[in-house]
Amino acid sequence: MRKNLIYSKAMTTMISEVYEAFRVAGVPEEKARKAAEALSAENLATKLDITSIEKELILIKWMLGLVIAGIASLMLKAFFI
């Protein structure tokens, strides 16, 4: 629970910093608030998300390699054997 509280507080600080940066840049208050909320943790990829995607990508590469090898073997059989 404490970890979530610390994370939430840090996230709130980050959102308020983004909001303040937008306001200093001259963005209207409502648009600055909505943009800062859009950059919240729910919309950002975590390291765990990226690791998961990388593992899936490795699997897909292997699957594609096997499919290509299978097609190549069928073509060799059809034309040369």
C-alpha atoms as a PDB file:
ATOM      1  CA  MET A   1       0.000   0.000   0.000  1.00  0.00           C
ATOM      2  CA  ARG A   2       2.808   2.408   0.879  1.00  0.00           C
ATOM      3  CA  LYS A   3       4.483   1.809  -2.482  1.00  0.00           C
ATOM      4  CA  ASN A   4       1.246   2.700  -4.297  1.00  0.00           C
ATOM      5  CA  LEU A   5       0.886   5.839  -2.186  1.00  0.00           C
ATOM      6  CA  ILE A   6       4.429   6.954  -3.016  1.00  0.00           C
ATOM      7  CA  TYR A   7       3.904   6.150  -6.697  1.00  0.00           C
ATOM      8  CA  SER A   8       0.601   8.021  -6.716  1.00  0.00           C
ATOM      9  CA  LYS A   9       2.160  11.060  -5.050  1.00  0.00           C
ATOM     10  CA  ALA A  10       5.052  11.071  -7.522  1.00  0.00           C
ATOM     11  CA  MET A  11       2.604  10.731 -10.402  1.00  0.00           C
ATOM     12  CA  THR A  12       0.503  13.627  -9.094  1.00  0.00           C
ATOM     13  CA  THR A  13       3.646  15.746  -8.841  1.00  0.00           C
ATOM     14  CA  MET A  14       4.643  14.856 -12.388  1.00  0.00           C
ATOM     15  CA  ILE A  15       1.179  15.686 -13.716  1.00  0.00           C
ATOM     16  CA  SER A  16       1.192  19.020 -11.889  1.00  0.00           C
ATOM     17  CA  GLU A  17       4.665  19.782 -13.289  1.00  0.00           C
ATOM     18  CA  VAL A  18       3.441  19.073 -16.821  1.00  0.00           C
ATOM     19  CA  TYR A  19       0.352  21.191 -16.159  1.00  0.00           C
ATOM     20  CA  GLU A  20       2.491  24.082 -14.923  1.00  0.00           C
ATOM     21  CA  ALA A  21       4.788  23.787 -17.948  1.00  0.00           C
ATOM     22  CA  PHE A  22       1.799  24.009 -20.276  1.00  0.00           C
ATOM     23  CA  ARG A  23       0.450  27.018 -18.391  1.00  0.00           C
ATOM     24  CA  VAL A  24       3.812  28.810 -18.595  1.00  0.00           C
ATOM     25  CA  ALA A  25       3.874  28.086 -22.321  1.00  0.00           C
ATOM     26  CA  GLY A  26       0.552  29.902 -22.658  1.00  0.00           C
ATOM     27  CA  VAL A  27      -1.811  26.947 -23.031  1.00  0.00           C
ATOM     28  CA  PRO A  28      -5.339  27.650 -21.720  1.00  0.00           C
ATOM     29  CA  GLU A  29      -6.080  26.168 -18.280  1.00  0.00           C
ATOM     30  CA  GLU A  30      -8.592  23.523 -19.405  1.00  0.00           C
ATOM     31  CA  LYS A  31      -6.402  22.296 -22.266  1.00  0.00           C
ATOM     32  CA  ALA A  32      -3.329  22.190 -20.002  1.00  0.00           C
ATOM     33  CA  ARG A  33      -5.214  20.115 -17.404  1.00  0.00           C
ATOM     34  CA  LYS A  34      -6.532  17.664 -20.000  1.00  0.00           C
ATOM     35  CA  ALA A  35      -3.101  17.285 -21.615  1.00  0.00           C
ATOM     36  CA  ALA A  36      -1.444  16.659 -18.240  1.00  0.00           C
ATOM     37  CA  GLU A  37      -4.072  14.037 -17.378  1.00  0.00           C
ATOM     38  CA  ALA A  38      -3.530  12.361 -20.752  1.00  0.00           C
ATOM     39  CA  LEU A  39       0.124  11.869 -19.827  1.00  0.00           C
ATOM     40  CA  SER A  40      -0.763   9.962 -16.671  1.00  0.00           C
ATOM     41  CA  ALA A  41       0.593   6.479 -15.840  1.00  0.00           C
ATOM     42  CA  GLU A  42      -2.315   4.638 -17.444  1.00  0.00           C
ATOM     43  CA  ASN A  43      -1.232   5.846 -20.855  1.00  0.00           C
ATOM     44  CA  LEU A  44       2.511   5.274 -20.536  1.00  0.00           C
ATOM     45  CA  ALA A  45       4.268   1.964 -21.150  1.00  0.00           C
ATOM     46  CA  THR A  46       6.191   0.560 -18.206  1.00  0.00           C
ATOM     47  CA  LYS A  47       9.385  -1.483 -18.386  1.00  0.00           C
ATOM     48  CA  LEU A  48       7.270  -4.567 -17.700  1.00  0.00           C
ATOM     49  CA  ASP A  49       5.031  -3.740 -20.686  1.00  0.00           C
ATOM     50  CA  ILE A  50       8.039  -3.301 -22.955  1.00  0.00           C
ATOM     51  CA  THR A  51       9.664  -6.529 -21.737  1.00  0.00           C
ATOM     52  CA  SER A  52       6.439  -8.407 -22.420  1.00  0.00           C
ATOM     53  CA  ILE A  53       6.229  -7.019 -25.941  1.00  0.00           C
ATOM     54  CA  GLU A  54       9.889  -7.862 -26.585  1.00  0.00           C
ATOM     55  CA  LYS A  55       9.270 -11.489 -25.567  1.00  0.00           C
ATOM     56  CA  GLU A  56       6.255 -11.705 -27.869  1.00  0.00           C
ATOM     57  CA  LEU A  57       8.303 -10.213 -30.702  1.00  0.00           C
ATOM     58  CA  ILE A  58      11.014 -12.865 -30.255  1.00  0.00           C
ATOM     59  CA  LEU A  59       8.342 -15.580 -30.476  1.00  0.00           C
ATOM     60  CA  ILE A  60       6.860 -14.036 -33.614  1.00  0.00           C
ATOM     61  CA  LYS A  61      10.301 -13.873 -35.245  1.00  0.00           C
ATOM     62  CA  TRP A  62      10.865 -17.586 -34.573  1.00  0.00           C
ATOM     63  CA  MET A  63       7.417 -18.439 -35.912  1.00  0.00           C
ATOM     64  CA  LEU A  64       8.066 -16.420 -39.069  1.00  0.00           C
ATOM     65  CA  GLY A  65      11.424 -18.134 -39.523  1.00  0.00           C
ATOM     66  CA  LEU A  66       9.781 -21.556 -39.283  1.00  0.00           C
ATOM     67  CA  VAL A  67       7.105 -20.572 -41.790  1.00  0.00           C
ATOM     68  CA  ILE A  68       9.718 -19.294 -44.236  1.00  0.00           C
ATOM     69  CA  ALA A  69      11.781 -22.463 -43.796  1.00  0.00           C
ATOM     70  CA  GLY A  70       8.670 -24.578 -44.410  1.00  0.00           C
ATOM     71  CA  ILE A  71       7.780 -22.686 -47.567  1.00  0.00           C
ATOM     72  CA  ALA A  72      11.365 -22.911 -48.805  1.00  0.00           C
ATOM     73  CA  SER A  73      11.423 -26.668 -48.228  1.00  0.00           C
ATOM     74  CA  LEU A  74       8.129 -27.083 -50.113  1.00  0.00           C
ATOM     75  CA  MET A  75       9.456 -25.004 -53.012  1.00  0.00           C
ATOM     76  CA  LEU A  76      12.663 -27.051 -53.140  1.00  0.00           C
ATOM     77  CA  LYS A  77      10.650 -30.271 -53.117  1.00  0.00           C
ATOM     78  CA  ALA A  78       8.286 -29.032 -55.837  1.00  0.00           C
ATOM     79  CA  PHE A  79      10.973 -27.794 -58.213  1.00  0.00           C
ATOM     80  CA  PHE A  80      14.027 -29.952 -57.586  1.00  0.00           C
ATOM     81  CA  ILE A  81      12.981 -33.292 -56.171  1.00  0.00           C
END
